């Protein structure tokens, strides 16, 4: 959960910085700081939500895409390593 919050914070801060630079040097339209903060909060919320969904449903999404793409890839939970004596 900490990784999700950190990812969302860094994404929102980077978005805010890029938007501020764009507003100051590139765009002719001057927006207020209130709008910039509101947009950064929206980016934080969306990033946190998407990261949370991706983290919790990653295995189910892999199963879904295996069905959609008609591939029979099975993700093993144990490594397929032979550790016993050979039978021959």
N, C-alpha and C. Protein backbone atom coordinates (compact mmCIF):
# COMPACT_ATOMS: atom_id res chain seq x y z
N UNK A 1 0.82 -1.20 0.00
CA UNK A 1 0.00 0.00 0.00
C UNK A 1 0.87 1.26 0.00
N UNK A 2 2.03 1.17 0.66
CA UNK A 2 2.92 2.32 0.70
C UNK A 2 3.45 2.66 -0.69
N UNK A 3 3.70 1.61 -1.49
CA UNK A 3 4.19 1.85 -2.84
C UNK A 3 3.14 2.57 -3.68
N UNK A 4 1.89 2.23 -3.47
CA UNK A 4 0.80 2.86 -4.23
C UNK A 4 0.73 4.35 -3.89
N UNK A 5 0.81 4.67 -2.61
CA UNK A 5 0.73 6.07 -2.18
C UNK A 5 1.93 6.85 -2.70
N UNK A 6 3.13 6.26 -2.61
CA UNK A 6 4.32 6.95 -3.11
C UNK A 6 4.25 7.17 -4.61
N UNK A 7 3.79 6.16 -5.35
CA UNK A 7 3.64 6.32 -6.79
C UNK A 7 2.65 7.43 -7.11
N UNK A 8 1.54 7.46 -6.41
CA UNK A 8 0.53 8.49 -6.66
C UNK A 8 1.05 9.89 -6.29
N UNK A 9 1.79 9.99 -5.21
CA UNK A 9 2.34 11.29 -4.80
C UNK A 9 3.35 11.80 -5.82
N UNK A 10 4.28 10.92 -6.23
CA UNK A 10 5.29 11.35 -7.21
C UNK A 10 4.65 11.69 -8.55
N UNK A 11 3.64 10.94 -8.95
CA UNK A 11 2.97 11.24 -10.21
C UNK A 11 2.25 12.58 -10.14
N UNK A 12 1.57 12.84 -9.04
CA UNK A 12 0.85 14.11 -8.89
C UNK A 12 1.83 15.29 -8.82
N UNK A 13 2.95 15.11 -8.11
CA UNK A 13 3.94 16.19 -8.03
C UNK A 13 4.58 16.46 -9.39
N UNK A 14 4.90 15.40 -10.11
CA UNK A 14 5.47 15.58 -11.44
C UNK A 14 4.47 16.25 -12.39
N UNK A 15 3.21 15.82 -12.31
CA UNK A 15 2.17 16.45 -13.12
C UNK A 15 2.05 17.93 -12.78
N UNK A 16 2.03 18.25 -11.48
CA UNK A 16 1.91 19.64 -11.06
C UNK A 16 3.08 20.49 -11.52
N UNK A 17 4.28 19.93 -11.45
CA UNK A 17 5.47 20.66 -11.90
C UNK A 17 5.44 20.91 -13.40
N UNK A 18 5.11 19.88 -14.17
CA UNK A 18 5.05 20.03 -15.62
C UNK A 18 3.94 21.01 -16.01
N UNK A 19 2.80 20.91 -15.35
CA UNK A 19 1.69 21.81 -15.65
C UNK A 19 2.04 23.26 -15.30
N UNK A 20 2.76 23.45 -14.18
CA UNK A 20 3.17 24.79 -13.78
C UNK A 20 4.15 25.38 -14.80
N UNK A 21 5.12 24.58 -15.24
CA UNK A 21 6.08 25.05 -16.24
C UNK A 21 5.38 25.37 -17.56
N UNK A 22 4.45 24.51 -17.95
CA UNK A 22 3.69 24.76 -19.17
C UNK A 22 2.88 26.05 -19.05
N UNK A 23 2.24 26.24 -17.91
CA UNK A 23 1.40 27.42 -17.70
C UNK A 23 2.25 28.70 -17.67
N UNK A 24 3.46 28.60 -17.13
CA UNK A 24 4.30 29.78 -16.98
C UNK A 24 5.01 30.16 -18.28
N UNK A 25 5.51 29.18 -19.04
CA UNK A 25 6.37 29.49 -20.17
C UNK A 25 5.76 29.17 -21.54
N UNK A 26 4.86 28.21 -21.63
CA UNK A 26 4.37 27.78 -22.93
C UNK A 26 3.01 28.37 -23.25
N UNK A 27 2.10 28.23 -22.34
CA UNK A 27 0.71 28.62 -22.59
C UNK A 27 0.49 30.11 -22.35
N UNK A 28 -0.36 30.68 -23.15
CA UNK A 28 -0.75 32.08 -22.95
C UNK A 28 -1.82 32.20 -21.87
N UNK A 29 -2.55 31.12 -21.66
CA UNK A 29 -3.63 31.13 -20.68
C UNK A 29 -3.06 30.97 -19.27
N UNK A 30 -3.42 31.87 -18.39
CA UNK A 30 -2.96 31.82 -17.02
C UNK A 30 -4.07 31.26 -16.14
N UNK A 31 -3.79 30.13 -15.53
CA UNK A 31 -4.74 29.53 -14.60
C UNK A 31 -4.27 29.81 -13.18
N UNK A 32 -5.21 29.76 -12.27
CA UNK A 32 -4.86 30.00 -10.89
C UNK A 32 -4.22 28.79 -10.24
N UNK A 33 -3.60 29.03 -9.11
CA UNK A 33 -2.97 27.95 -8.36
C UNK A 33 -4.01 26.97 -7.83
N UNK A 34 -5.21 27.46 -7.57
CA UNK A 34 -6.29 26.61 -7.08
C UNK A 34 -6.64 25.54 -8.12
N UNK A 35 -6.69 25.90 -9.39
CA UNK A 35 -7.01 24.94 -10.45
C UNK A 35 -5.87 23.94 -10.60
N UNK A 36 -4.63 24.40 -10.50
CA UNK A 36 -3.48 23.52 -10.59
C UNK A 36 -3.48 22.49 -9.46
N UNK A 37 -3.79 22.90 -8.26
CA UNK A 37 -3.84 21.98 -7.12
C UNK A 37 -4.99 21.00 -7.28
N UNK A 38 -6.14 21.47 -7.76
CA UNK A 38 -7.29 20.58 -7.97
C UNK A 38 -6.96 19.51 -9.01
N UNK A 39 -6.33 19.90 -10.11
CA UNK A 39 -5.96 18.93 -11.13
C UNK A 39 -4.92 17.94 -10.60
N UNK A 40 -3.99 18.39 -9.78
CA UNK A 40 -3.00 17.49 -9.19
C UNK A 40 -3.65 16.50 -8.24
N UNK A 41 -4.64 16.93 -7.49
CA UNK A 41 -5.37 16.02 -6.60
C UNK A 41 -6.13 14.98 -7.40
N UNK A 42 -6.72 15.37 -8.51
CA UNK A 42 -7.42 14.42 -9.38
C UNK A 42 -6.43 13.39 -9.93
N UNK A 43 -5.25 13.84 -10.36
CA UNK A 43 -4.23 12.92 -10.86
C UNK A 43 -3.78 11.98 -9.75
N UNK A 44 -3.62 12.47 -8.53
CA UNK A 44 -3.25 11.62 -7.39
C UNK A 44 -4.30 10.54 -7.18
N UNK A 45 -5.57 10.92 -7.16
CA UNK A 45 -6.64 9.95 -6.92
C UNK A 45 -6.73 8.89 -8.00
N UNK A 46 -6.64 9.31 -9.24
CA UNK A 46 -6.74 8.36 -10.35
C UNK A 46 -5.54 7.41 -10.35
N UNK A 47 -4.35 7.94 -10.11
CA UNK A 47 -3.15 7.10 -10.08
C UNK A 47 -3.23 6.09 -8.94
N UNK A 48 -3.66 6.51 -7.77
CA UNK A 48 -3.78 5.60 -6.63
C UNK A 48 -4.82 4.52 -6.91
N UNK A 49 -5.94 4.89 -7.51
CA UNK A 49 -6.99 3.92 -7.82
C UNK A 49 -6.51 2.89 -8.83
N UNK A 50 -5.89 3.33 -9.91
CA UNK A 50 -5.41 2.41 -10.94
C UNK A 50 -4.32 1.50 -10.40
N UNK A 51 -3.39 2.03 -9.61
CA UNK A 51 -2.33 1.21 -9.04
C UNK A 51 -2.90 0.17 -8.07
N UNK A 52 -3.90 0.56 -7.28
CA UNK A 52 -4.55 -0.37 -6.35
C UNK A 52 -5.25 -1.49 -7.11
N UNK A 53 -5.99 -1.14 -8.15
CA UNK A 53 -6.69 -2.15 -8.95
C UNK A 53 -5.69 -3.08 -9.61
N UNK A 54 -4.63 -2.52 -10.19
CA UNK A 54 -3.64 -3.34 -10.87
C UNK A 54 -2.95 -4.30 -9.89
N UNK A 55 -2.63 -3.83 -8.69
CA UNK A 55 -1.94 -4.67 -7.72
C UNK A 55 -2.83 -5.81 -7.22
N UNK A 56 -4.10 -5.53 -7.01
CA UNK A 56 -4.99 -6.55 -6.45
C UNK A 56 -5.56 -7.51 -7.48
N UNK A 57 -5.67 -7.11 -8.72
CA UNK A 57 -6.30 -7.96 -9.72
C UNK A 57 -5.34 -8.38 -10.82
N UNK A 58 -4.02 -8.35 -10.56
CA UNK A 58 -3.04 -8.67 -11.59
C UNK A 58 -3.16 -10.11 -12.07
N UNK A 59 -3.31 -11.07 -11.16
CA UNK A 59 -3.40 -12.47 -11.60
C UNK A 59 -4.70 -12.72 -12.35
N UNK A 60 -5.79 -12.10 -11.93
CA UNK A 60 -7.05 -12.26 -12.64
C UNK A 60 -7.00 -11.62 -14.02
N UNK A 61 -6.29 -10.51 -14.16
CA UNK A 61 -6.14 -9.88 -15.47
C UNK A 61 -5.30 -10.77 -16.38
N UNK A 62 -4.26 -11.41 -15.83
CA UNK A 62 -3.45 -12.32 -16.64
C UNK A 62 -4.28 -13.49 -17.14
N UNK A 63 -5.13 -14.05 -16.26
CA UNK A 63 -6.00 -15.15 -16.67
C UNK A 63 -6.97 -14.69 -17.75
N UNK A 64 -7.52 -13.50 -17.61
CA UNK A 64 -8.45 -12.96 -18.60
C UNK A 64 -7.77 -12.79 -19.95
N UNK A 65 -6.56 -12.22 -19.96
CA UNK A 65 -5.87 -12.01 -21.22
C UNK A 65 -5.41 -13.32 -21.85
N UNK A 66 -5.13 -14.34 -21.03
CA UNK A 66 -4.81 -15.66 -21.58
C UNK A 66 -6.02 -16.25 -22.30
N UNK A 67 -7.20 -16.01 -21.77
CA UNK A 67 -8.42 -16.51 -22.41
C UNK A 67 -8.70 -15.72 -23.69
N UNK A 68 -8.55 -14.41 -23.63
CA UNK A 68 -8.84 -13.56 -24.78
C UNK A 68 -7.87 -13.85 -25.93
N UNK A 69 -6.60 -14.02 -25.62
CA UNK A 69 -5.61 -14.24 -26.67
C UNK A 69 -5.46 -15.71 -27.03
N UNK A 70 -6.22 -16.57 -26.39
CA UNK A 70 -6.22 -18.01 -26.66
C UNK A 70 -4.83 -18.61 -26.46
N UNK A 71 -4.14 -18.17 -25.44
CA UNK A 71 -2.85 -18.75 -25.11
C UNK A 71 -3.00 -19.59 -23.85
N UNK A 72 -2.24 -20.64 -23.78
CA UNK A 72 -2.35 -21.57 -22.65
C UNK A 72 -1.18 -21.43 -21.70
N UNK A 73 -0.77 -20.22 -21.45
CA UNK A 73 0.32 -20.00 -20.53
C UNK A 73 -0.20 -20.09 -19.11
N UNK A 74 0.40 -20.96 -18.34
CA UNK A 74 0.03 -21.11 -16.95
C UNK A 74 1.17 -20.55 -16.12
N UNK A 75 0.84 -19.69 -15.21
CA UNK A 75 1.85 -19.12 -14.34
C UNK A 75 2.01 -20.05 -13.14
N UNK A 76 3.13 -20.77 -13.08
CA UNK A 76 3.31 -21.73 -11.98
C UNK A 76 3.56 -21.02 -10.66
N UNK A 77 3.03 -21.61 -9.60
CA UNK A 77 3.28 -21.04 -8.29
C UNK A 77 4.61 -21.54 -7.74
N UNK A 78 5.03 -22.74 -8.17
CA UNK A 78 6.33 -23.29 -7.77
C UNK A 78 7.22 -23.36 -8.99
N UNK A 79 8.49 -23.24 -8.77
CA UNK A 79 9.44 -23.33 -9.88
C UNK A 79 9.52 -24.79 -10.35
N UNK A 80 9.42 -25.05 -11.65
CA UNK A 80 9.48 -26.44 -12.14
C UNK A 80 10.92 -26.93 -12.20
N UNK A 81 11.45 -27.33 -11.05
CA UNK A 81 12.84 -27.77 -10.96
C UNK A 81 12.85 -29.23 -10.51
N UNK A 82 13.61 -30.04 -11.19
CA UNK A 82 13.76 -31.44 -10.81
C UNK A 82 14.81 -31.54 -9.72
N UNK A 83 14.42 -32.07 -8.55
CA UNK A 83 15.35 -32.12 -7.43
C UNK A 83 15.62 -33.54 -6.93
N UNK A 84 14.92 -34.54 -7.48
CA UNK A 84 15.10 -35.92 -7.02
C UNK A 84 16.09 -36.68 -7.86
N UNK A 85 16.25 -37.97 -7.55
CA UNK A 85 17.12 -38.84 -8.34
C UNK A 85 16.39 -39.24 -9.62
N UNK A 86 17.13 -39.41 -10.71
CA UNK A 86 16.48 -39.82 -11.95
C UNK A 86 15.97 -41.26 -11.85
N UNK A 87 14.85 -41.55 -12.52
CA UNK A 87 14.22 -42.86 -12.46
C UNK A 87 14.79 -43.84 -13.47
N UNK A 88 15.71 -43.45 -14.33
CA UNK A 88 16.23 -44.36 -15.35
C UNK A 88 17.54 -44.98 -14.95
